[in-house]
All heavy atoms as atom14 arrays in JSON, in Angstrom:
{
  "sequence": "PGKEEAWIVLDADADARLWAGVRPGVSRDDLARAAADGTV",
  "atom14_mask": [
    [1, 1, 1, 1, 1, 1, 1, 0, 0, 0, 0, 0, 0, 0],
    [1, 1, 1, 1, 0, 0, 0, 0, 0, 0, 0, 0, 0, 0],
    [1, 1, 1, 1, 1, 1, 1, 1, 1, 0, 0, 0, 0, 0],
    [1, 1, 1, 1, 1, 1, 1, 1, 1, 0, 0, 0, 0, 0],
    [1, 1, 1, 1, 1, 1, 1, 1, 1, 0, 0, 0, 0, 0],
    [1, 1, 1, 1, 1, 0, 0, 0, 0, 0, 0, 0, 0, 0],
    [1, 1, 1, 1, 1, 1, 1, 1, 1, 1, 1, 1, 1, 1],
    [1, 1, 1, 1, 1, 1, 1, 1, 0, 0, 0, 0, 0, 0],
    [1, 1, 1, 1, 1, 1, 1, 0, 0, 0, 0, 0, 0, 0],
    [1, 1, 1, 1, 1, 1, 1, 1, 0, 0, 0, 0, 0, 0],
    [1, 1, 1, 1, 1, 1, 1, 1, 0, 0, 0, 0, 0, 0],
    [1, 1, 1, 1, 1, 0, 0, 0, 0, 0, 0, 0, 0, 0],
    [1, 1, 1, 1, 1, 1, 1, 1, 0, 0, 0, 0, 0, 0],
    [1, 1, 1, 1, 1, 0, 0, 0, 0, 0, 0, 0, 0, 0],
    [1, 1, 1, 1, 1, 1, 1, 1, 0, 0, 0, 0, 0, 0],
    [1, 1, 1, 1, 1, 0, 0, 0, 0, 0, 0, 0, 0, 0],
    [1, 1, 1, 1, 1, 1, 1, 1, 1, 1, 1, 0, 0, 0],
    [1, 1, 1, 1, 1, 1, 1, 1, 0, 0, 0, 0, 0, 0],
    [1, 1, 1, 1, 1, 1, 1, 1, 1, 1, 1, 1, 1, 1],
    [1, 1, 1, 1, 1, 0, 0, 0, 0, 0, 0, 0, 0, 0],
    [1, 1, 1, 1, 0, 0, 0, 0, 0, 0, 0, 0, 0, 0],
    [1, 1, 1, 1, 1, 1, 1, 0, 0, 0, 0, 0, 0, 0],
    [1, 1, 1, 1, 1, 1, 1, 1, 1, 1, 1, 0, 0, 0],
    [1, 1, 1, 1, 1, 1, 1, 0, 0, 0, 0, 0, 0, 0],
    [1, 1, 1, 1, 0, 0, 0, 0, 0, 0, 0, 0, 0, 0],
    [1, 1, 1, 1, 1, 1, 1, 0, 0, 0, 0, 0, 0, 0],
    [1, 1, 1, 1, 1, 1, 0, 0, 0, 0, 0, 0, 0, 0],
    [1, 1, 1, 1, 1, 1, 1, 1, 1, 1, 1, 0, 0, 0],
    [1, 1, 1, 1, 1, 1, 1, 1, 0, 0, 0, 0, 0, 0],
    [1, 1, 1, 1, 1, 1, 1, 1, 0, 0, 0, 0, 0, 0],
    [1, 1, 1, 1, 1, 1, 1, 1, 0, 0, 0, 0, 0, 0],
    [1, 1, 1, 1, 1, 0, 0, 0, 0, 0, 0, 0, 0, 0],
    [1, 1, 1, 1, 1, 1, 1, 1, 1, 1, 1, 0, 0, 0],
    [1, 1, 1, 1, 1, 0, 0, 0, 0, 0, 0, 0, 0, 0],
    [1, 1, 1, 1, 1, 0, 0, 0, 0, 0, 0, 0, 0, 0],
    [1, 1, 1, 1, 1, 0, 0, 0, 0, 0, 0, 0, 0, 0],
    [1, 1, 1, 1, 1, 1, 1, 1, 0, 0, 0, 0, 0, 0],
    [1, 1, 1, 1, 0, 0, 0, 0, 0, 0, 0, 0, 0, 0],
    [1, 1, 1, 1, 1, 1, 1, 0, 0, 0, 0, 0, 0, 0],
    [1, 1, 1, 1, 1, 1, 1, 0, 0, 0, 0, 0, 0, 0]
  ],
  "atom14_positions": [
    [[129.26, 175.16, 109.39], [130.35, 174.37, 108.77], [130.15, 172.98, 108.72], [129.56, 172.37, 109.65], [131.56, 174.88, 109.71], [130.98, 175.12, 110.91], [129.66, 175.76, 110.7], [0.0, 0.0, 0.0], [0.0, 0.0, 0.0], [0.0, 0.0, 0.0], [0.0, 0.0, 0.0], [0.0, 0.0, 0.0], [0.0, 0.0, 0.0], [0.0, 0.0, 0.0]],
    [[130.54, 172.37, 107.63], [130.47, 170.84, 107.65], [131.83, 170.35, 108.28], [132.46, 171.07, 109.14], [0.0, 0.0, 0.0], [0.0, 0.0, 0.0], [0.0, 0.0, 0.0], [0.0, 0.0, 0.0], [0.0, 0.0, 0.0], [0.0, 0.0, 0.0], [0.0, 0.0, 0.0], [0.0, 0.0, 0.0], [0.0, 0.0, 0.0], [0.0, 0.0, 0.0]],
    [[132.12, 169.13, 107.96], [133.37, 168.56, 108.72], [134.09, 167.78, 107.63], [134.14, 166.48, 107.61], [132.84, 167.66, 109.83], [134.07, 167.24, 110.73], [133.52, 166.5, 111.95], [134.63, 165.97, 112.89], [134.16, 165.07, 113.97], [0.0, 0.0, 0.0], [0.0, 0.0, 0.0], [0.0, 0.0, 0.0], [0.0, 0.0, 0.0], [0.0, 0.0, 0.0]],
    [[134.77, 168.43, 106.81], [135.85, 167.67, 105.99], [137.07, 167.58, 106.94], [137.28, 168.47, 107.72], [136.25, 168.52, 104.82], [137.41, 167.93, 103.86], [137.58, 168.64, 102.58], [138.19, 169.73, 102.59], [136.96, 168.21, 101.55], [0.0, 0.0, 0.0], [0.0, 0.0, 0.0], [0.0, 0.0, 0.0], [0.0, 0.0, 0.0], [0.0, 0.0, 0.0]],
    [[137.83, 166.62, 106.85], [138.94, 166.22, 107.83], [140.03, 165.59, 107.03], [139.91, 164.95, 106.0], [138.49, 165.46, 108.97], [137.89, 163.92, 108.67], [137.22, 163.47, 109.82], [136.65, 164.22, 110.81], [137.23, 162.09, 109.83], [0.0, 0.0, 0.0], [0.0, 0.0, 0.0], [0.0, 0.0, 0.0], [0.0, 0.0, 0.0], [0.0, 0.0, 0.0]],
    [[141.25, 165.51, 107.65], [142.37, 164.77, 107.18], [143.06, 164.06, 108.28], [143.1, 164.68, 109.44], [143.33, 165.66, 106.44], [0.0, 0.0, 0.0], [0.0, 0.0, 0.0], [0.0, 0.0, 0.0], [0.0, 0.0, 0.0], [0.0, 0.0, 0.0], [0.0, 0.0, 0.0], [0.0, 0.0, 0.0], [0.0, 0.0, 0.0], [0.0, 0.0, 0.0]],
    [[143.48, 162.79, 108.09], [144.17, 162.01, 109.07], [145.55, 161.88, 108.65], [145.97, 161.62, 107.65], [143.56, 160.6, 109.22], [142.02, 160.54, 109.37], [141.25, 161.37, 110.11], [141.21, 159.52, 108.76], [139.87, 160.93, 109.99], [139.94, 159.75, 109.23], [141.44, 158.39, 107.97], [138.82, 158.99, 108.77], [140.34, 157.61, 107.66], [139.08, 157.87, 108.05]],
    [[146.46, 162.03, 109.72], [147.96, 161.95, 109.38], [148.32, 160.91, 110.43], [148.33, 161.2, 111.69], [148.62, 163.27, 109.63], [148.08, 164.3, 108.73], [150.07, 163.03, 109.45], [148.36, 165.73, 109.22], [0.0, 0.0, 0.0], [0.0, 0.0, 0.0], [0.0, 0.0, 0.0], [0.0, 0.0, 0.0], [0.0, 0.0, 0.0], [0.0, 0.0, 0.0]],
    [[148.73, 159.69, 109.96], [149.06, 158.54, 110.85], [150.39, 158.78, 111.52], [151.5, 158.9, 110.82], [148.99, 157.2, 110.17], [149.4, 155.96, 111.11], [147.55, 157.05, 109.68], [0.0, 0.0, 0.0], [0.0, 0.0, 0.0], [0.0, 0.0, 0.0], [0.0, 0.0, 0.0], [0.0, 0.0, 0.0], [0.0, 0.0, 0.0], [0.0, 0.0, 0.0]],
    [[150.54, 158.8, 112.8], [151.86, 159.05, 113.64], [152.42, 157.8, 114.08], [153.6, 157.7, 114.32], [151.48, 160.06, 114.81], [150.89, 161.39, 114.42], [150.69, 162.2, 115.49], [151.73, 162.21, 113.33], [0.0, 0.0, 0.0], [0.0, 0.0, 0.0], [0.0, 0.0, 0.0], [0.0, 0.0, 0.0], [0.0, 0.0, 0.0], [0.0, 0.0, 0.0]],
    [[151.49, 156.78, 114.3], [151.99, 155.42, 114.8], [150.9, 154.43, 114.4], [149.64, 154.76, 114.49], [152.34, 155.46, 116.22], [153.14, 154.33, 116.71], [153.67, 153.53, 115.81], [153.31, 154.15, 117.95], [0.0, 0.0, 0.0], [0.0, 0.0, 0.0], [0.0, 0.0, 0.0], [0.0, 0.0, 0.0], [0.0, 0.0, 0.0], [0.0, 0.0, 0.0]],
    [[151.19, 153.18, 114.22], [150.24, 152.16, 113.82], [150.72, 150.82, 114.21], [151.79, 150.65, 113.96], [149.89, 152.28, 112.36], [0.0, 0.0, 0.0], [0.0, 0.0, 0.0], [0.0, 0.0, 0.0], [0.0, 0.0, 0.0], [0.0, 0.0, 0.0], [0.0, 0.0, 0.0], [0.0, 0.0, 0.0], [0.0, 0.0, 0.0], [0.0, 0.0, 0.0]],
    [[149.88, 150.05, 114.89], [150.12, 148.68, 115.09], [150.1, 147.95, 113.81], [149.7, 148.41, 112.79], [148.97, 148.01, 115.96], [149.02, 148.59, 117.41], [150.14, 149.33, 117.77], [148.04, 148.35, 118.21], [0.0, 0.0, 0.0], [0.0, 0.0, 0.0], [0.0, 0.0, 0.0], [0.0, 0.0, 0.0], [0.0, 0.0, 0.0], [0.0, 0.0, 0.0]],
    [[150.82, 146.76, 113.78], [151.03, 146.1, 112.52], [149.82, 145.81, 111.71], [149.77, 145.6, 110.48], [151.83, 144.79, 112.76], [0.0, 0.0, 0.0], [0.0, 0.0, 0.0], [0.0, 0.0, 0.0], [0.0, 0.0, 0.0], [0.0, 0.0, 0.0], [0.0, 0.0, 0.0], [0.0, 0.0, 0.0], [0.0, 0.0, 0.0], [0.0, 0.0, 0.0]],
    [[148.68, 145.47, 112.43], [147.43, 145.17, 111.76], [146.45, 146.24, 111.73], [145.25, 145.96, 111.53], [146.78, 143.82, 112.48], [146.43, 144.23, 114.01], [146.96, 145.2, 114.48], [145.82, 143.43, 114.65], [0.0, 0.0, 0.0], [0.0, 0.0, 0.0], [0.0, 0.0, 0.0], [0.0, 0.0, 0.0], [0.0, 0.0, 0.0], [0.0, 0.0, 0.0]],
    [[146.87, 147.48, 111.92], [145.86, 148.69, 111.93], [145.36, 148.86, 110.6], [146.05, 148.79, 109.57], [146.61, 149.8, 112.58], [0.0, 0.0, 0.0], [0.0, 0.0, 0.0], [0.0, 0.0, 0.0], [0.0, 0.0, 0.0], [0.0, 0.0, 0.0], [0.0, 0.0, 0.0], [0.0, 0.0, 0.0], [0.0, 0.0, 0.0], [0.0, 0.0, 0.0]],
    [[144.06, 149.3, 110.66], [143.4, 149.69, 109.33], [142.54, 150.88, 109.42], [142.14, 151.18, 110.51], [142.36, 148.4, 108.99], [143.11, 147.14, 108.68], [143.96, 147.2, 107.4], [144.5, 145.84, 107.04], [145.6, 145.4, 107.42], [146.31, 146.08, 108.34], [145.96, 144.17, 107.14], [0.0, 0.0, 0.0], [0.0, 0.0, 0.0], [0.0, 0.0, 0.0]],
    [[142.3, 151.49, 108.27], [141.49, 152.7, 108.12], [140.44, 152.31, 107.03], [140.82, 151.61, 106.17], [142.12, 153.97, 107.79], [143.13, 154.48, 108.94], [144.06, 155.54, 108.18], [142.37, 155.16, 109.91], [0.0, 0.0, 0.0], [0.0, 0.0, 0.0], [0.0, 0.0, 0.0], [0.0, 0.0, 0.0], [0.0, 0.0, 0.0], [0.0, 0.0, 0.0]],
    [[139.23, 152.8, 107.08], [138.25, 152.63, 106.03], [137.6, 154.03, 105.62], [137.3, 154.79, 106.5], [137.12, 151.74, 106.54], [137.52, 150.36, 106.75], [137.58, 149.33, 105.92], [138.02, 149.81, 107.99], [137.97, 148.09, 106.6], [138.31, 148.52, 107.82], [138.3, 150.41, 109.29], [138.72, 147.71, 108.91], [138.73, 149.63, 110.36], [139.06, 148.17, 110.1]],
    [[137.6, 154.22, 104.33], [137.09, 155.55, 103.79], [136.58, 155.37, 102.5], [137.35, 154.91, 101.56], [138.13, 156.65, 103.92], [0.0, 0.0, 0.0], [0.0, 0.0, 0.0], [0.0, 0.0, 0.0], [0.0, 0.0, 0.0], [0.0, 0.0, 0.0], [0.0, 0.0, 0.0], [0.0, 0.0, 0.0], [0.0, 0.0, 0.0], [0.0, 0.0, 0.0]],
    [[135.31, 155.73, 102.27], [134.75, 155.51, 100.83], [134.09, 154.12, 100.84], [134.53, 153.2, 101.5], [0.0, 0.0, 0.0], [0.0, 0.0, 0.0], [0.0, 0.0, 0.0], [0.0, 0.0, 0.0], [0.0, 0.0, 0.0], [0.0, 0.0, 0.0], [0.0, 0.0, 0.0], [0.0, 0.0, 0.0], [0.0, 0.0, 0.0], [0.0, 0.0, 0.0]],
    [[133.04, 154.01, 100.01], [132.36, 152.59, 99.83], [133.03, 151.94, 98.76], [133.54, 152.6, 97.79], [130.87, 152.83, 99.75], [130.19, 153.46, 100.89], [130.51, 153.51, 98.45], [0.0, 0.0, 0.0], [0.0, 0.0, 0.0], [0.0, 0.0, 0.0], [0.0, 0.0, 0.0], [0.0, 0.0, 0.0], [0.0, 0.0, 0.0], [0.0, 0.0, 0.0]],
    [[132.94, 150.69, 98.7], [133.5, 149.86, 97.63], [132.61, 150.08, 96.41], [131.35, 150.29, 96.46], [133.41, 148.42, 97.96], [134.43, 147.92, 99.05], [134.25, 146.42, 99.29], [135.2, 146.02, 100.43], [136.4, 145.75, 100.38], [137.08, 145.78, 99.11], [137.21, 145.4, 101.44], [0.0, 0.0, 0.0], [0.0, 0.0, 0.0], [0.0, 0.0, 0.0]],
    [[133.24, 149.91, 95.18], [132.48, 150.1, 93.97], [131.23, 149.14, 93.91], [131.22, 147.96, 94.29], [133.4, 149.68, 92.86], [134.85, 149.98, 93.49], [134.63, 149.71, 94.8], [0.0, 0.0, 0.0], [0.0, 0.0, 0.0], [0.0, 0.0, 0.0], [0.0, 0.0, 0.0], [0.0, 0.0, 0.0], [0.0, 0.0, 0.0], [0.0, 0.0, 0.0]],
    [[130.11, 149.72, 93.43], [128.86, 148.92, 93.32], [127.97, 148.94, 94.64], [126.85, 148.43, 94.48], [0.0, 0.0, 0.0], [0.0, 0.0, 0.0], [0.0, 0.0, 0.0], [0.0, 0.0, 0.0], [0.0, 0.0, 0.0], [0.0, 0.0, 0.0], [0.0, 0.0, 0.0], [0.0, 0.0, 0.0], [0.0, 0.0, 0.0], [0.0, 0.0, 0.0]],
    [[128.51, 149.49, 95.69], [127.71, 149.45, 96.92], [126.81, 150.68, 96.87], [127.3, 151.8, 96.61], [128.6, 149.58, 98.27], [127.8, 149.79, 99.49], [129.4, 148.3, 98.29], [0.0, 0.0, 0.0], [0.0, 0.0, 0.0], [0.0, 0.0, 0.0], [0.0, 0.0, 0.0], [0.0, 0.0, 0.0], [0.0, 0.0, 0.0], [0.0, 0.0, 0.0]],
    [[125.61, 150.53, 97.15], [124.5, 151.61, 97.0], [124.11, 151.97, 98.52], [124.45, 151.37, 99.54], [123.25, 150.99, 96.31], [122.6, 150.03, 97.17], [0.0, 0.0, 0.0], [0.0, 0.0, 0.0], [0.0, 0.0, 0.0], [0.0, 0.0, 0.0], [0.0, 0.0, 0.0], [0.0, 0.0, 0.0], [0.0, 0.0, 0.0], [0.0, 0.0, 0.0]],
    [[123.46, 153.0, 98.53], [122.82, 153.59, 99.78], [121.94, 152.45, 100.44], [122.03, 152.17, 101.7], [122.03, 154.85, 99.5], [121.73, 155.66, 100.81], [120.87, 156.83, 100.45], [121.59, 157.68, 99.42], [122.42, 158.61, 99.64], [122.7, 158.99, 100.82], [122.93, 159.24, 98.63], [0.0, 0.0, 0.0], [0.0, 0.0, 0.0], [0.0, 0.0, 0.0]],
    [[121.25, 151.72, 99.64], [120.27, 150.74, 100.18], [121.19, 149.49, 100.76], [120.79, 148.95, 101.81], [119.34, 150.09, 99.24], [118.17, 151.12, 98.85], [118.02, 152.13, 99.64], [117.59, 150.91, 97.68], [0.0, 0.0, 0.0], [0.0, 0.0, 0.0], [0.0, 0.0, 0.0], [0.0, 0.0, 0.0], [0.0, 0.0, 0.0], [0.0, 0.0, 0.0]],
    [[122.26, 149.29, 100.12], [123.17, 148.24, 100.61], [123.79, 148.65, 101.99], [123.86, 147.79, 102.84], [124.3, 148.03, 99.68], [123.93, 147.5, 98.31], [122.95, 146.63, 98.33], [124.63, 147.71, 97.29], [0.0, 0.0, 0.0], [0.0, 0.0, 0.0], [0.0, 0.0, 0.0], [0.0, 0.0, 0.0], [0.0, 0.0, 0.0], [0.0, 0.0, 0.0]],
    [[124.04, 149.91, 102.07], [124.62, 150.32, 103.34], [123.61, 150.37, 104.5], [123.91, 150.03, 105.6], [125.1, 151.82, 103.18], [126.52, 151.95, 102.4], [126.66, 153.35, 102.0], [127.65, 151.36, 103.17], [0.0, 0.0, 0.0], [0.0, 0.0, 0.0], [0.0, 0.0, 0.0], [0.0, 0.0, 0.0], [0.0, 0.0, 0.0], [0.0, 0.0, 0.0]],
    [[122.33, 150.58, 104.21], [121.26, 150.61, 105.12], [120.99, 149.06, 105.65], [120.96, 148.9, 106.9], [120.01, 151.07, 104.51], [0.0, 0.0, 0.0], [0.0, 0.0, 0.0], [0.0, 0.0, 0.0], [0.0, 0.0, 0.0], [0.0, 0.0, 0.0], [0.0, 0.0, 0.0], [0.0, 0.0, 0.0], [0.0, 0.0, 0.0], [0.0, 0.0, 0.0]],
    [[121.07, 148.22, 104.73], [120.96, 146.77, 105.06], [122.23, 146.3, 105.98], [122.16, 145.57, 107.02], [120.76, 145.93, 103.92], [119.36, 146.03, 103.27], [119.2, 144.96, 102.23], [120.08, 145.25, 101.01], [119.78, 145.92, 99.85], [118.44, 146.46, 99.91], [120.55, 146.04, 98.97], [0.0, 0.0, 0.0], [0.0, 0.0, 0.0], [0.0, 0.0, 0.0]],
    [[123.34, 146.65, 105.58], [124.57, 146.32, 106.17], [124.66, 146.9, 107.74], [125.19, 146.25, 108.54], [125.75, 146.68, 105.4], [0.0, 0.0, 0.0], [0.0, 0.0, 0.0], [0.0, 0.0, 0.0], [0.0, 0.0, 0.0], [0.0, 0.0, 0.0], [0.0, 0.0, 0.0], [0.0, 0.0, 0.0], [0.0, 0.0, 0.0], [0.0, 0.0, 0.0]],
    [[124.19, 148.23, 107.7], [124.22, 148.76, 109.13], [123.27, 148.09, 110.05], [123.5, 147.79, 111.16], [123.75, 150.19, 109.07], [0.0, 0.0, 0.0], [0.0, 0.0, 0.0], [0.0, 0.0, 0.0], [0.0, 0.0, 0.0], [0.0, 0.0, 0.0], [0.0, 0.0, 0.0], [0.0, 0.0, 0.0], [0.0, 0.0, 0.0], [0.0, 0.0, 0.0]],
    [[122.13, 147.5, 109.49], [121.23, 146.73, 110.31], [121.7, 145.39, 110.74], [121.52, 144.94, 111.89], [119.91, 146.61, 109.66], [0.0, 0.0, 0.0], [0.0, 0.0, 0.0], [0.0, 0.0, 0.0], [0.0, 0.0, 0.0], [0.0, 0.0, 0.0], [0.0, 0.0, 0.0], [0.0, 0.0, 0.0], [0.0, 0.0, 0.0], [0.0, 0.0, 0.0]],
    [[122.55, 144.76, 109.8], [122.99, 143.44, 110.09], [124.33, 143.37, 110.68], [124.93, 142.2, 110.78], [122.73, 142.46, 109.09], [123.58, 142.74, 107.64], [124.53, 143.42, 107.91], [123.24, 142.27, 106.73], [0.0, 0.0, 0.0], [0.0, 0.0, 0.0], [0.0, 0.0, 0.0], [0.0, 0.0, 0.0], [0.0, 0.0, 0.0], [0.0, 0.0, 0.0]],
    [[125.08, 144.52, 110.73], [126.43, 144.46, 111.38], [127.53, 144.3, 110.48], [128.57, 144.08, 110.9], [0.0, 0.0, 0.0], [0.0, 0.0, 0.0], [0.0, 0.0, 0.0], [0.0, 0.0, 0.0], [0.0, 0.0, 0.0], [0.0, 0.0, 0.0], [0.0, 0.0, 0.0], [0.0, 0.0, 0.0], [0.0, 0.0, 0.0], [0.0, 0.0, 0.0]],
    [[127.34, 144.37, 109.14], [128.38, 143.99, 108.11], [128.89, 145.2, 107.37], [129.42, 145.09, 106.37], [127.92, 143.01, 107.07], [126.69, 143.53, 106.46], [127.42, 141.61, 107.86], [0.0, 0.0, 0.0], [0.0, 0.0, 0.0], [0.0, 0.0, 0.0], [0.0, 0.0, 0.0], [0.0, 0.0, 0.0], [0.0, 0.0, 0.0], [0.0, 0.0, 0.0]],
    [[128.51, 146.46, 107.82], [128.77, 147.65, 107.07], [130.39, 147.89, 106.83], [130.7, 148.49, 105.71], [128.18, 148.87, 107.76], [128.9, 149.27, 109.09], [128.18, 150.06, 106.87], [0.0, 0.0, 0.0], [0.0, 0.0, 0.0], [0.0, 0.0, 0.0], [0.0, 0.0, 0.0], [0.0, 0.0, 0.0], [0.0, 0.0, 0.0], [0.0, 0.0, 0.0]]
  ]
}
């Protein structure tokens, strides 16, 4: 089995954030470079 999942937020601090999906125009190579330099 893979791992599709869903998050249901029950409580959140005022500045809390989630990230899901890459921004338009970001490529796999961009992600590889960003993972290496800490900007992913």
